[in-house]
Structure formats: C-alpha cells, structure tokens
Amino acid sequence: MLLEYINMAMSKAIYEKLEDGTYSGVIPECPGTIAFAKTLFECQEELRSVLEGWIIVKNRYGDKLPIISK
C-alpha cells in the first residue's frame, strides 16, 4: 500500500531543466517535496527519497497524507 502511494505520487512529479543544465523536481500534491540533481534520473531518485522522508515525518506527527488519484 505504501509503495503504491509512493508510485502514484511520483507519477505526479513535475521536472524542469534549469539554466545551468541541472534538474529540479517537485510533487505539487505533496507540499515541500523538492529535489535537485545533475541528471533527470538522479533527480527522480532524489525526489523519491525526499518523498519517503516526507511521508515518515507526516506519519510521525499524525498528519494525514493527501489523497493522490489518477
């Protein structure tokens, strides 16, 4: 169930190539999740890691996770 949530959230990610050739990524449905990396692949991996940490913090403080649908 958690893996499904992570995969669904990652499918909503928005990536942008920055002026210096690096990438940024955000998941708008999960406020505060943002990542930066040299390559798109590295940015995707970093964003997944950020999302996992974000979920842990939300759970620790009893915050509800946003509903992410297709």
Protein backbone atom coordinates (compact mmCIF):
# COMPACT_ATOMS: atom_id res chain seq x y z
CA MET A 1 0.00 0.00 0.00
CA LEU A 2 2.82 2.41 0.87
CA LEU A 3 4.72 1.52 -2.29
CA GLU A 4 1.55 2.14 -4.31
CA TYR A 5 1.18 5.59 -2.71
CA ILE A 6 4.81 6.44 -3.47
CA ASN A 7 4.49 5.30 -7.08
CA MET A 8 1.27 7.27 -7.55
CA ALA A 9 2.83 10.41 -6.03
CA MET A 10 5.93 10.01 -8.21
CA SER A 11 3.71 9.81 -11.29
CA LYS A 12 2.51 13.34 -10.43
CA ALA A 13 6.07 14.74 -10.25
CA ILE A 14 6.98 17.72 -12.39
CA TYR A 15 10.58 18.10 -13.57
CA GLU A 16 12.30 21.12 -15.02
CA LYS A 17 15.68 21.53 -16.64
CA LEU A 18 17.35 24.57 -15.10
CA GLU A 19 19.52 27.17 -16.84
CA ASP A 20 22.72 25.53 -15.58
CA GLY A 21 21.73 22.18 -17.09
CA THR A 22 20.71 20.56 -13.80
CA TYR A 23 17.21 19.39 -12.94
CA SER A 24 14.63 20.17 -10.29
CA GLY A 25 11.62 18.10 -9.38
CA VAL A 26 8.53 18.69 -7.26
CA ILE A 27 5.36 16.82 -6.36
CA PRO A 28 2.67 19.52 -6.12
CA GLU A 29 0.25 17.22 -4.27
CA CYS A 30 2.87 16.77 -1.51
CA PRO A 31 3.86 20.30 -0.42
CA GLY A 32 7.51 20.66 0.46
CA THR A 33 8.82 17.81 -1.68
CA ILE A 34 11.53 19.20 -3.93
CA ALA A 35 14.79 17.81 -5.28
CA PHE A 36 17.74 19.00 -7.35
CA ALA A 37 20.33 16.92 -9.23
CA LYS A 38 22.71 16.91 -12.18
CA THR A 39 20.69 14.45 -14.26
CA LEU A 40 16.99 13.73 -14.62
CA PHE A 41 17.47 10.18 -13.33
CA GLU A 42 19.34 11.41 -10.25
CA CYS A 43 16.61 13.99 -9.68
CA GLN A 44 13.94 11.30 -9.83
CA GLU A 45 15.84 9.15 -7.32
CA GLU A 46 16.42 12.11 -5.00
CA LEU A 47 12.76 13.14 -5.20
CA ARG A 48 11.68 9.58 -4.30
CA SER A 49 13.98 9.73 -1.26
CA VAL A 50 12.59 13.14 -0.27
CA LEU A 51 9.04 11.82 -0.63
CA GLU A 52 9.79 8.82 1.59
CA GLY A 53 11.20 11.11 4.29
CA TRP A 54 8.22 13.45 3.91
CA ILE A 55 5.83 10.52 4.48
CA ILE A 56 7.74 9.44 7.60
CA VAL A 57 7.55 12.95 9.08
CA LYS A 58 3.84 13.27 8.26
CA ASN A 59 3.14 9.94 9.97
CA ARG A 60 5.29 10.77 12.99
CA TYR A 61 3.26 13.92 13.66
CA GLY A 62 -0.09 12.31 12.88
CA ASP A 63 -0.71 14.41 9.78
CA LYS A 64 -2.92 12.98 7.08
CA LEU A 65 -1.38 12.26 3.72
CA PRO A 66 -3.03 13.96 0.76
CA ILE A 67 -5.19 11.79 -1.43
CA ILE A 68 -3.47 11.16 -4.73
CA SER A 69 -5.57 9.74 -7.52
CA LYS A 70 -5.09 9.01 -11.17
